[in-house]
Amino acid sequence: MIKTEKPLPIDLKDKKLNLFLEDLSWPKASSYQDRLIARAVVFDGYDLFFAHVHRDDIFGKMDFLETSGGGVKEGESLIQGLKRELREELGFEVEVVAELGQVTDFYNLIGRRNLNHYFLARKIKEVPPSLMEDEKNQFHLTLAKVSYEEALEVYKKNKDEKLGRLLYNREVPVIELAEAVIKSYGLM
């Protein structure tokens, strides 16, 4: 048996998520519009960065974390869209470290199927964020810097809410994989 002071790196390069999640909180929609989305777990050392969202709308009143990212525009690659979204929402230039996988989920309430592509990204430098009006005024989007454990606690706290359950099921597996990749490659 090999003894080391820290765990040996585990090769996780080929371990990618491929989840398909149903929305069980609201009745199924009659039709769905697809939205291609690029999202990231962003880290810098031991810190993780998320979009902190406070909303009160048709989905309910909630205060939660969400991986940052958003819709990929026509003509953009997933990586180009991701980097644009992270500049806009978090105010970061990033280096994409790994692809974590895809999660397809549904928002029955608005008839949308999200094709979420997740990545692990390292913060390189800060730039001025440029939030859209709805991100500022409706979602009250701000930057949240938390530890892995703190992030999981926020997701667990909200998992009994309708939207919180959807976010928990979609994002916790991604965050867990991101943490495993960070540790296995000694990226901190």
N, C-alpha and C. Protein backbone atom coordinates (compact mmCIF):
# COMPACT_ATOMS: atom_id res chain seq x y z
N MET A 1 0.84 -1.19 0.00
CA MET A 1 0.00 0.00 0.00
C MET A 1 0.88 1.24 0.00
N ILE A 2 0.53 2.20 -0.85
CA ILE A 2 1.29 3.46 -0.94
C ILE A 2 0.76 4.42 0.11
N LYS A 3 1.67 5.02 0.86
CA LYS A 3 1.28 6.02 1.84
C LYS A 3 1.71 7.38 1.34
N THR A 4 0.79 8.33 1.35
CA THR A 4 1.11 9.70 0.95
C THR A 4 0.49 10.66 1.95
N GLU A 5 0.97 11.88 1.97
CA GLU A 5 0.39 12.88 2.85
C GLU A 5 -0.93 13.42 2.30
N LYS A 6 -1.09 13.32 1.00
CA LYS A 6 -2.36 13.75 0.40
C LYS A 6 -2.80 12.66 -0.58
N PRO A 7 -4.08 12.61 -0.88
CA PRO A 7 -4.57 11.56 -1.79
C PRO A 7 -3.90 11.64 -3.15
N LEU A 8 -3.66 10.51 -3.75
CA LEU A 8 -3.12 10.48 -5.10
C LEU A 8 -4.15 11.04 -6.07
N PRO A 9 -3.71 11.73 -7.13
CA PRO A 9 -4.68 12.26 -8.11
C PRO A 9 -5.49 11.13 -8.75
N ILE A 10 -6.76 11.39 -8.92
CA ILE A 10 -7.65 10.46 -9.61
C ILE A 10 -7.91 11.03 -10.99
N ASP A 11 -7.78 10.22 -12.02
CA ASP A 11 -8.00 10.70 -13.38
C ASP A 11 -9.50 10.80 -13.63
N LEU A 12 -10.01 12.02 -13.63
CA LEU A 12 -11.44 12.26 -13.82
C LEU A 12 -11.73 12.91 -15.17
N LYS A 13 -10.73 12.99 -16.04
CA LYS A 13 -10.91 13.71 -17.31
C LYS A 13 -12.08 13.18 -18.12
N ASP A 14 -12.32 11.89 -18.06
CA ASP A 14 -13.38 11.31 -18.88
C ASP A 14 -14.69 11.12 -18.13
N LYS A 15 -14.76 11.53 -16.89
CA LYS A 15 -15.99 11.40 -16.12
C LYS A 15 -16.82 12.67 -16.34
N LYS A 16 -17.84 12.57 -17.15
CA LYS A 16 -18.70 13.71 -17.44
C LYS A 16 -20.14 13.35 -17.09
N LEU A 17 -20.85 14.33 -16.60
CA LEU A 17 -22.26 14.13 -16.28
C LEU A 17 -23.11 14.17 -17.54
N ASN A 18 -24.15 13.38 -17.53
CA ASN A 18 -25.16 13.45 -18.58
C ASN A 18 -26.49 13.15 -17.90
N LEU A 19 -27.12 14.20 -17.37
CA LEU A 19 -28.35 14.05 -16.60
C LEU A 19 -29.54 14.57 -17.39
N PHE A 20 -30.67 13.93 -17.20
CA PHE A 20 -31.93 14.34 -17.80
C PHE A 20 -32.93 14.45 -16.66
N LEU A 21 -33.35 15.66 -16.34
CA LEU A 21 -34.20 15.90 -15.17
C LEU A 21 -35.58 16.40 -15.58
N GLU A 22 -36.59 15.79 -15.02
CA GLU A 22 -37.96 16.24 -15.25
C GLU A 22 -38.33 17.28 -14.21
N ASP A 23 -39.19 18.18 -14.56
CA ASP A 23 -39.75 19.17 -13.64
C ASP A 23 -41.02 18.57 -13.06
N LEU A 24 -40.95 18.17 -11.79
CA LEU A 24 -42.11 17.56 -11.14
C LEU A 24 -42.86 18.57 -10.27
N SER A 25 -42.42 19.83 -10.28
CA SER A 25 -43.05 20.85 -9.45
C SER A 25 -44.26 21.50 -10.09
N TRP A 26 -44.29 21.54 -11.42
CA TRP A 26 -45.39 22.15 -12.14
C TRP A 26 -45.89 21.20 -13.22
N PRO A 27 -47.15 21.33 -13.63
CA PRO A 27 -47.68 20.46 -14.70
C PRO A 27 -46.89 20.64 -15.99
N LYS A 28 -46.81 19.57 -16.77
CA LYS A 28 -46.08 19.61 -18.04
C LYS A 28 -46.69 20.65 -18.96
N ALA A 29 -45.82 21.28 -19.74
CA ALA A 29 -46.26 22.26 -20.73
C ALA A 29 -46.71 21.53 -21.99
N SER A 30 -47.49 22.19 -22.81
CA SER A 30 -47.95 21.58 -24.06
C SER A 30 -46.84 21.54 -25.11
N SER A 31 -45.90 22.48 -25.02
CA SER A 31 -44.74 22.48 -25.92
C SER A 31 -43.58 23.16 -25.20
N TYR A 32 -42.38 22.91 -25.73
CA TYR A 32 -41.17 23.44 -25.10
C TYR A 32 -40.30 24.14 -26.13
N GLN A 33 -39.69 25.22 -25.70
CA GLN A 33 -38.69 25.91 -26.51
C GLN A 33 -37.33 25.55 -25.92
N ASP A 34 -36.40 25.11 -26.77
CA ASP A 34 -35.05 24.76 -26.32
C ASP A 34 -34.20 26.00 -26.11
N ARG A 35 -33.37 25.97 -25.07
CA ARG A 35 -32.40 27.05 -24.82
C ARG A 35 -31.05 26.42 -24.56
N LEU A 36 -30.07 26.72 -25.40
CA LEU A 36 -28.70 26.25 -25.24
C LEU A 36 -28.00 27.15 -24.23
N ILE A 37 -27.49 26.54 -23.17
CA ILE A 37 -26.91 27.29 -22.05
C ILE A 37 -25.51 26.77 -21.74
N ALA A 38 -24.60 27.68 -21.44
CA ALA A 38 -23.26 27.33 -20.96
C ALA A 38 -23.13 27.88 -19.54
N ARG A 39 -22.73 27.02 -18.61
CA ARG A 39 -22.60 27.40 -17.20
C ARG A 39 -21.25 26.93 -16.68
N ALA A 40 -20.82 27.53 -15.56
CA ALA A 40 -19.54 27.10 -14.99
C ALA A 40 -19.55 27.16 -13.47
N VAL A 41 -18.83 26.22 -12.90
CA VAL A 41 -18.40 26.33 -11.52
C VAL A 41 -17.06 27.06 -11.63
N VAL A 42 -17.01 28.26 -11.08
CA VAL A 42 -15.81 29.10 -11.17
C VAL A 42 -15.09 29.05 -9.83
N PHE A 43 -13.78 28.86 -9.89
CA PHE A 43 -13.00 28.78 -8.65
C PHE A 43 -11.74 29.63 -8.74
N ASP A 44 -11.22 29.95 -7.56
CA ASP A 44 -9.94 30.62 -7.40
C ASP A 44 -9.40 30.14 -6.07
N GLY A 45 -8.44 29.24 -6.10
CA GLY A 45 -7.96 28.63 -4.87
C GLY A 45 -9.07 27.79 -4.27
N TYR A 46 -9.40 28.06 -3.01
CA TYR A 46 -10.45 27.30 -2.33
C TYR A 46 -11.83 27.94 -2.47
N ASP A 47 -11.89 29.11 -3.08
CA ASP A 47 -13.15 29.84 -3.21
C ASP A 47 -13.89 29.45 -4.48
N LEU A 48 -15.21 29.31 -4.37
CA LEU A 48 -16.08 29.10 -5.52
C LEU A 48 -16.93 30.35 -5.68
N PHE A 49 -17.26 30.65 -6.94
CA PHE A 49 -18.05 31.85 -7.23
C PHE A 49 -19.34 31.47 -7.95
N PHE A 50 -20.43 32.04 -7.47
CA PHE A 50 -21.76 31.77 -8.02
C PHE A 50 -22.49 33.09 -8.23
N ALA A 51 -23.58 33.01 -8.97
CA ALA A 51 -24.52 34.12 -9.04
C ALA A 51 -25.45 33.96 -7.85
N HIS A 52 -25.55 34.99 -7.03
CA HIS A 52 -26.51 35.00 -5.93
C HIS A 52 -27.76 35.67 -6.46
N VAL A 53 -28.88 34.98 -6.38
CA VAL A 53 -30.13 35.46 -6.96
C VAL A 53 -31.18 35.60 -5.86
N HIS A 54 -31.84 36.75 -5.87
CA HIS A 54 -32.96 36.98 -4.97
C HIS A 54 -34.15 37.35 -5.87
N ARG A 55 -35.15 36.48 -5.91
CA ARG A 55 -36.25 36.73 -6.83
C ARG A 55 -37.59 36.49 -6.14
N ASP A 56 -38.60 37.15 -6.67
CA ASP A 56 -39.98 36.98 -6.23
C ASP A 56 -40.81 37.14 -7.49
N ASP A 57 -41.13 36.00 -8.13
CA ASP A 57 -41.83 36.03 -9.41
C ASP A 57 -42.71 34.79 -9.54
N ILE A 58 -43.07 34.40 -10.74
CA ILE A 58 -43.98 33.27 -10.93
C ILE A 58 -43.40 31.96 -10.40
N PHE A 59 -42.09 31.88 -10.25
CA PHE A 59 -41.47 30.68 -9.68
C PHE A 59 -41.49 30.68 -8.16
N GLY A 60 -41.80 31.81 -7.55
CA GLY A 60 -41.85 31.92 -6.10
C GLY A 60 -40.81 32.89 -5.58
N LYS A 61 -40.80 33.04 -4.26
CA LYS A 61 -39.86 33.93 -3.60
C LYS A 61 -38.69 33.09 -3.11
N MET A 62 -37.49 33.45 -3.57
CA MET A 62 -36.32 32.66 -3.19
C MET A 62 -35.07 33.52 -3.12
N ASP A 63 -34.14 33.03 -2.33
CA ASP A 63 -32.82 33.61 -2.17
C ASP A 63 -31.86 32.43 -2.31
N PHE A 64 -31.11 32.36 -3.43
CA PHE A 64 -30.36 31.14 -3.70
C PHE A 64 -29.10 31.41 -4.52
N LEU A 65 -28.30 30.37 -4.69
CA LEU A 65 -27.13 30.41 -5.55
C LEU A 65 -27.43 29.65 -6.82
N GLU A 66 -26.76 30.07 -7.90
CA GLU A 66 -26.87 29.36 -9.17
C GLU A 66 -25.52 29.47 -9.87
N THR A 67 -25.11 28.40 -10.54
CA THR A 67 -23.88 28.51 -11.31
C THR A 67 -24.08 29.61 -12.33
N SER A 68 -23.03 30.36 -12.56
CA SER A 68 -23.13 31.47 -13.48
C SER A 68 -23.06 30.98 -14.92
N GLY A 69 -23.71 31.70 -15.79
CA GLY A 69 -23.74 31.37 -17.20
C GLY A 69 -25.07 31.79 -17.78
N GLY A 70 -25.32 31.36 -19.00
CA GLY A 70 -26.58 31.73 -19.63
C GLY A 70 -26.64 31.28 -21.07
N GLY A 71 -27.59 31.85 -21.76
CA GLY A 71 -27.85 31.47 -23.14
C GLY A 71 -26.69 31.76 -24.07
N VAL A 72 -26.42 30.80 -24.94
CA VAL A 72 -25.38 30.95 -25.95
C VAL A 72 -26.04 31.59 -27.17
N LYS A 73 -25.45 32.67 -27.64
CA LYS A 73 -26.01 33.40 -28.79
C LYS A 73 -25.65 32.69 -30.10
N GLU A 74 -26.50 32.91 -31.09
CA GLU A 74 -26.23 32.33 -32.42
C GLU A 74 -24.86 32.80 -32.91
N GLY A 75 -24.07 31.87 -33.40
CA GLY A 75 -22.74 32.18 -33.90
C GLY A 75 -21.64 32.03 -32.86
N GLU A 76 -22.01 31.88 -31.58
CA GLU A 76 -21.03 31.68 -30.51
C GLU A 76 -20.81 30.19 -30.28
N SER A 77 -19.59 29.83 -29.91
CA SER A 77 -19.35 28.48 -29.41
C SER A 77 -19.78 28.44 -27.94
N LEU A 78 -19.86 27.25 -27.38
CA LEU A 78 -20.20 27.14 -25.96
C LEU A 78 -19.20 27.92 -25.10
N ILE A 79 -17.91 27.78 -25.42
CA ILE A 79 -16.87 28.45 -24.63
C ILE A 79 -16.96 29.97 -24.79
N GLN A 80 -17.20 30.45 -26.01
CA GLN A 80 -17.34 31.91 -26.22
C GLN A 80 -18.53 32.44 -25.43
N GLY A 81 -19.66 31.73 -25.49
CA GLY A 81 -20.84 32.16 -24.75
C GLY A 81 -20.61 32.13 -23.25
N LEU A 82 -19.93 31.09 -22.79
CA LEU A 82 -19.63 30.98 -21.36
C LEU A 82 -18.76 32.14 -20.89
N LYS A 83 -17.69 32.41 -21.62
CA LYS A 83 -16.78 33.49 -21.22
C LYS A 83 -17.49 34.84 -21.23
N ARG A 84 -18.35 35.08 -22.22
CA ARG A 84 -19.13 36.32 -22.26
C ARG A 84 -20.03 36.42 -21.04
N GLU A 85 -20.76 35.34 -20.75
CA GLU A 85 -21.69 35.35 -19.62
C GLU A 85 -20.96 35.56 -18.28
N LEU A 86 -19.80 34.95 -18.11
CA LEU A 86 -19.05 35.11 -16.86
C LEU A 86 -18.50 36.53 -16.71
N ARG A 87 -18.11 37.14 -17.83
CA ARG A 87 -17.70 38.55 -17.78
C ARG A 87 -18.89 39.42 -17.36
N GLU A 88 -20.06 39.18 -17.99
CA GLU A 88 -21.24 39.99 -17.71
C GLU A 88 -21.73 39.81 -16.28
N GLU A 89 -21.89 38.56 -15.84
CA GLU A 89 -22.52 38.28 -14.54
C GLU A 89 -21.58 38.39 -13.35
N LEU A 90 -20.38 37.84 -13.47
CA LEU A 90 -19.47 37.80 -12.34
C LEU A 90 -18.39 38.88 -12.40
N GLY A 91 -18.12 39.37 -13.60
CA GLY A 91 -17.03 40.33 -13.76
C GLY A 91 -15.68 39.65 -13.74
N PHE A 92 -15.59 38.46 -14.37
CA PHE A 92 -14.34 37.69 -14.39
C PHE A 92 -13.96 37.30 -15.81
N GLU A 93 -12.68 37.37 -16.09
CA GLU A 93 -12.10 36.66 -17.21
C GLU A 93 -11.70 35.30 -16.64
N VAL A 94 -11.91 34.23 -17.40
CA VAL A 94 -11.64 32.89 -16.87
C VAL A 94 -10.84 32.05 -17.86
N GLU A 95 -10.25 31.01 -17.30
CA GLU A 95 -9.63 29.95 -18.08
C GLU A 95 -10.51 28.72 -17.89
N VAL A 96 -11.00 28.14 -18.97
CA VAL A 96 -11.81 26.93 -18.87
C VAL A 96 -10.88 25.76 -18.65
N VAL A 97 -11.09 25.05 -17.54
CA VAL A 97 -10.20 23.97 -17.12
C VAL A 97 -10.70 22.61 -17.60
N ALA A 98 -12.01 22.37 -17.51
CA ALA A 98 -12.55 21.06 -17.85
C ALA A 98 -14.02 21.18 -18.23
N GLU A 99 -14.45 20.24 -19.05
CA GLU A 99 -15.88 20.09 -19.35
C GLU A 99 -16.43 19.11 -18.33
N LEU A 100 -17.51 19.51 -17.65
CA LEU A 100 -18.09 18.66 -16.62
C LEU A 100 -19.26 17.82 -17.13
N GLY A 101 -19.88 18.25 -18.21
CA GLY A 101 -20.98 17.47 -18.76
C GLY A 101 -22.20 18.30 -19.08
N GLN A 102 -23.29 17.59 -19.32
CA GLN A 102 -24.54 18.24 -19.73
C GLN A 102 -25.68 17.81 -18.83
N VAL A 103 -26.54 18.76 -18.52
CA VAL A 103 -27.76 18.49 -17.77
C VAL A 103 -28.91 19.10 -18.56
N THR A 104 -29.85 18.26 -18.95
CA THR A 104 -31.06 18.74 -19.60
C THR A 104 -32.14 18.81 -18.53
N ASP A 105 -32.75 19.98 -18.41
CA ASP A 105 -33.85 20.12 -17.45
C ASP A 105 -34.97 20.94 -18.09
N PHE A 106 -36.10 20.93 -17.42
CA PHE A 106 -37.30 21.57 -17.95
C PHE A 106 -37.83 22.58 -16.96
N TYR A 107 -38.30 23.71 -17.47
CA TYR A 107 -39.08 24.66 -16.70
C TYR A 107 -40.49 24.59 -17.28
N ASN A 108 -41.29 23.66 -16.74
CA ASN A 108 -42.65 23.48 -17.25
C ASN A 108 -43.47 24.76 -17.20
N LEU A 109 -43.26 25.54 -16.16
CA LEU A 109 -44.06 26.75 -15.95
C LEU A 109 -43.94 27.74 -17.11
N ILE A 110 -42.79 27.75 -17.78
CA ILE A 110 -42.60 28.67 -18.91
C ILE A 110 -42.36 27.93 -20.23
N GLY A 111 -42.55 26.61 -20.22
CA GLY A 111 -42.42 25.83 -21.45
C GLY A 111 -41.02 25.86 -22.05
N ARG A 112 -40.00 25.67 -21.22
CA ARG A 112 -38.64 25.73 -21.73
C ARG A 112 -37.85 24.48 -21.33
N ARG A 113 -37.10 23.97 -22.30
CA ARG A 113 -36.15 22.88 -22.03
C ARG A 113 -34.76 23.49 -22.11
N ASN A 114 -34.01 23.36 -21.01
CA ASN A 114 -32.66 23.90 -20.92
C ASN A 114 -31.65 22.82 -21.25
N LEU A 115 -30.78 23.10 -22.20
CA LEU A 115 -29.69 22.21 -22.56
C LEU A 115 -28.43 22.83 -21.95
N ASN A 116 -28.19 22.51 -20.66
CA ASN A 116 -27.10 23.11 -19.88
C ASN A 116 -25.80 22.36 -20.10
N HIS A 117 -24.78 23.07 -20.55
CA HIS A 117 -23.44 22.51 -20.69
C HIS A 117 -22.58 23.12 -19.59
N TYR A 118 -22.03 22.26 -18.74
CA TYR A 118 -21.28 22.72 -17.57
C TYR A 118 -19.78 22.58 -17.77
N PHE A 119 -19.06 23.57 -17.22
CA PHE A 119 -17.61 23.60 -17.30
C PHE A 119 -17.04 23.98 -15.93
N LEU A 120 -15.79 23.66 -15.73
CA LEU A 120 -15.03 24.12 -14.58
C LEU A 120 -14.11 25.21 -15.10
N ALA A 121 -14.14 26.38 -14.45
CA ALA A 121 -13.34 27.52 -14.93
C ALA A 121 -12.62 28.17 -13.75
N ARG A 122 -11.39 28.58 -14.02
CA ARG A 122 -10.57 29.26 -13.02
C ARG A 122 -10.60 30.76 -13.29
N LYS A 123 -10.83 31.53 -12.24
CA LYS A 123 -10.81 33.00 -12.34
C LYS A 123 -9.39 33.44 -12.67
N ILE A 124 -9.26 34.29 -13.70
CA ILE A 124 -7.95 34.83 -14.07
C ILE A 124 -7.82 36.27 -13.59
N LYS A 125 -8.83 37.10 -13.92
CA LYS A 125 -8.79 38.49 -13.47
C LYS A 125 -10.20 39.05 -13.41
N GLU A 126 -10.32 40.16 -12.67
CA GLU A 126 -11.61 40.83 -12.55
C GLU A 126 -11.74 41.90 -13.62
N VAL A 127 -12.95 42.03 -14.13
CA VAL A 127 -13.31 43.06 -15.10
C VAL A 127 -14.66 43.64 -14.66
N PRO A 128 -15.04 44.80 -15.16
CA PRO A 128 -16.34 45.35 -14.77
C PRO A 128 -17.49 44.46 -15.28
N PRO A 129 -18.40 44.04 -14.38
CA PRO A 129 -19.56 43.27 -14.85
C PRO A 129 -20.49 44.16 -15.65
N SER A 130 -21.32 43.55 -16.47
CA SER A 130 -22.29 44.33 -17.26
C SER A 130 -23.61 43.57 -17.27
N LEU A 131 -24.29 43.60 -16.13
CA LEU A 131 -25.55 42.89 -15.98
C LEU A 131 -26.65 43.49 -16.84
N MET A 132 -27.54 42.63 -17.31
CA MET A 132 -28.71 43.08 -18.05
C MET A 132 -29.71 43.65 -17.03
N GLU A 133 -30.65 44.44 -17.51
CA GLU A 133 -31.61 45.09 -16.61
C GLU A 133 -32.41 44.10 -15.77
N ASP A 134 -32.87 42.98 -16.37
CA ASP A 134 -33.64 42.02 -15.59
C ASP A 134 -32.76 41.32 -14.55
N GLU A 135 -31.48 41.13 -14.85
CA GLU A 135 -30.57 40.52 -13.89
C GLU A 135 -30.38 41.44 -12.68
N LYS A 136 -30.36 42.74 -12.92
CA LYS A 136 -30.21 43.71 -11.84
C LYS A 136 -31.51 43.92 -11.07
N ASN A 137 -32.60 44.16 -11.82
CA ASN A 137 -33.84 44.61 -11.19
C ASN A 137 -34.81 43.51 -10.79
N GLN A 138 -34.87 42.42 -11.54
CA GLN A 138 -35.80 41.35 -11.20
C GLN A 138 -35.15 40.26 -10.35
N PHE A 139 -33.91 39.89 -10.72
CA PHE A 139 -33.24 38.79 -10.03
C PHE A 139 -32.28 39.28 -8.95
N HIS A 140 -32.00 40.60 -8.94
CA HIS A 140 -31.08 41.18 -7.97
C HIS A 140 -29.80 40.37 -7.90
N LEU A 141 -29.25 40.08 -9.07
CA LEU A 141 -28.08 39.22 -9.21
C LEU A 141 -26.83 39.90 -8.66
N THR A 142 -26.12 39.18 -7.79
CA THR A 142 -24.85 39.65 -7.25
C THR A 142 -23.86 38.49 -7.23
N LEU A 143 -22.62 38.81 -7.01
CA LEU A 143 -21.56 37.82 -6.93
C LEU A 143 -21.52 37.21 -5.53
N ALA A 144 -21.44 35.88 -5.46
CA ALA A 144 -21.29 35.19 -4.18
C ALA A 144 -20.00 34.40 -4.19
N LYS A 145 -19.17 34.63 -3.19
CA LYS A 145 -17.92 33.89 -3.00
C LYS A 145 -18.11 32.99 -1.78
N VAL A 146 -18.09 31.67 -2.00
CA VAL A 146 -18.36 30.72 -0.92
C VAL A 146 -17.41 29.53 -1.03
N SER A 147 -17.37 28.76 0.05
CA SER A 147 -16.63 27.50 0.02
C SER A 147 -17.54 26.43 -0.58
N TYR A 148 -16.95 25.31 -0.90
CA TYR A 148 -17.72 24.16 -1.40
C TYR A 148 -18.81 23.78 -0.40
N GLU A 149 -18.46 23.68 0.87
CA GLU A 149 -19.42 23.29 1.90
C GLU A 149 -20.54 24.31 2.03
N GLU A 150 -20.20 25.61 1.97
CA GLU A 150 -21.22 26.66 2.07
C GLU A 150 -22.18 26.60 0.88
N ALA A 151 -21.65 26.35 -0.30
CA ALA A 151 -22.51 26.24 -1.48
C ALA A 151 -23.51 25.11 -1.31
N LEU A 152 -23.02 23.94 -0.88
CA LEU A 152 -23.93 22.80 -0.70
C LEU A 152 -25.00 23.11 0.34
N GLU A 153 -24.65 23.82 1.40
CA GLU A 153 -25.63 24.18 2.42
C GLU A 153 -26.75 25.05 1.87
N VAL A 154 -26.40 26.01 1.01
CA VAL A 154 -27.42 26.90 0.42
C VAL A 154 -28.35 26.07 -0.48
N TYR A 155 -27.79 25.18 -1.28
CA TYR A 155 -28.64 24.34 -2.14
C TYR A 155 -29.54 23.44 -1.30
N LYS A 156 -29.00 22.87 -0.22
CA LYS A 156 -29.81 22.00 0.66
C LYS A 156 -30.93 22.79 1.33
N LYS A 157 -30.61 24.02 1.75
CA LYS A 157 -31.59 24.86 2.43
C LYS A 157 -32.81 25.13 1.55
N ASN A 158 -32.61 25.22 0.24
CA ASN A 158 -33.70 25.57 -0.69
C ASN A 158 -34.32 24.38 -1.40
N LYS A 159 -33.86 23.17 -1.13
CA LYS A 159 -34.29 22.03 -1.95
C LYS A 159 -35.75 21.62 -1.75
N ASP A 160 -36.42 22.13 -0.73
CA ASP A 160 -37.83 21.81 -0.54
C ASP A 160 -38.77 22.82 -1.21
N GLU A 161 -38.20 23.89 -1.77
CA GLU A 161 -38.98 24.85 -2.54
C GLU A 161 -39.10 24.32 -3.97
N LYS A 162 -40.15 24.71 -4.70
CA LYS A 162 -40.34 24.18 -6.05
C LYS A 162 -39.14 24.43 -6.95
N LEU A 163 -38.72 25.68 -7.08
CA LEU A 163 -37.57 26.00 -7.92
C LEU A 163 -36.28 25.49 -7.28
N GLY A 164 -36.20 25.56 -5.97
CA GLY A 164 -35.01 25.07 -5.25
C GLY A 164 -34.75 23.60 -5.49
N ARG A 165 -35.80 22.80 -5.60
CA ARG A 165 -35.66 21.36 -5.88
C ARG A 165 -35.06 21.14 -7.26
N LEU A 166 -35.53 21.91 -8.24
CA LEU A 166 -34.99 21.81 -9.59
C LEU A 166 -33.51 22.19 -9.60
N LEU A 167 -33.16 23.30 -8.94
CA LEU A 167 -31.77 23.74 -8.90
C LEU A 167 -30.90 22.75 -8.14
N TYR A 168 -31.38 22.22 -7.05
CA TYR A 168 -30.62 21.24 -6.27
C TYR A 168 -30.29 20.02 -7.12
N ASN A 169 -31.30 19.47 -7.78
CA ASN A 169 -31.09 18.27 -8.59
C ASN A 169 -30.19 18.53 -9.79
N ARG A 170 -30.22 19.74 -10.32
CA ARG A 170 -29.41 20.07 -11.48
C ARG A 170 -27.97 20.41 -11.10
N GLU A 171 -27.78 21.16 -10.04
CA GLU A 171 -26.47 21.74 -9.79
C GLU A 171 -25.61 21.01 -8.76
N VAL A 172 -26.20 20.35 -7.79
CA VAL A 172 -25.38 19.68 -6.78
C VAL A 172 -24.48 18.59 -7.39
N PRO A 173 -24.98 17.75 -8.31
CA PRO A 173 -24.05 16.78 -8.93
C PRO A 173 -22.90 17.45 -9.67
N VAL A 174 -23.15 18.59 -10.28
CA VAL A 174 -22.12 19.33 -11.00
C VAL A 174 -21.08 19.87 -10.02
N ILE A 175 -21.55 20.46 -8.93
CA ILE A 175 -20.63 21.03 -7.94
C ILE A 175 -19.79 19.93 -7.30
N GLU A 176 -20.40 18.79 -7.02
CA GLU A 176 -19.65 17.67 -6.45
C GLU A 176 -18.57 17.18 -7.41
N LEU A 177 -18.89 17.07 -8.69
CA LEU A 177 -17.89 16.65 -9.67
C LEU A 177 -16.79 17.71 -9.79
N ALA A 178 -17.17 18.98 -9.81
CA ALA A 178 -16.18 20.06 -9.90
C ALA A 178 -15.19 19.99 -8.74
N GLU A 179 -15.71 19.79 -7.54
CA GLU A 179 -14.84 19.70 -6.36
C GLU A 179 -13.89 18.50 -6.48
N ALA A 180 -14.40 17.37 -6.97
CA ALA A 180 -13.54 16.19 -7.15
C ALA A 180 -12.44 16.45 -8.17
N VAL A 181 -12.77 17.13 -9.26
CA VAL A 181 -11.78 17.46 -10.28
C VAL A 181 -10.74 18.42 -9.72
N ILE A 182 -11.18 19.45 -9.02
CA ILE A 182 -10.26 20.43 -8.41
C ILE A 182 -9.27 19.71 -7.49
N LYS A 183 -9.78 18.86 -6.63
CA LYS A 183 -8.92 18.14 -5.68
C LYS A 183 -8.00 17.14 -6.38
N SER A 184 -8.54 16.40 -7.34
CA SER A 184 -7.75 15.35 -7.96
C SER A 184 -6.60 15.90 -8.78
N TYR A 185 -6.76 17.10 -9.32
CA TYR A 185 -5.71 17.69 -10.12
C TYR A 185 -4.87 18.71 -9.35
N GLY A 186 -5.18 18.89 -8.06
CA GLY A 186 -4.42 19.84 -7.24
C GLY A 186 -4.49 21.25 -7.78
N LEU A 187 -5.68 21.70 -8.18
CA LEU A 187 -5.84 22.99 -8.83
C LEU A 187 -5.97 24.15 -7.87
N MET A 188 -6.00 23.90 -6.58
CA MET A 188 -6.21 24.98 -5.61
C MET A 188 -5.00 25.85 -5.45
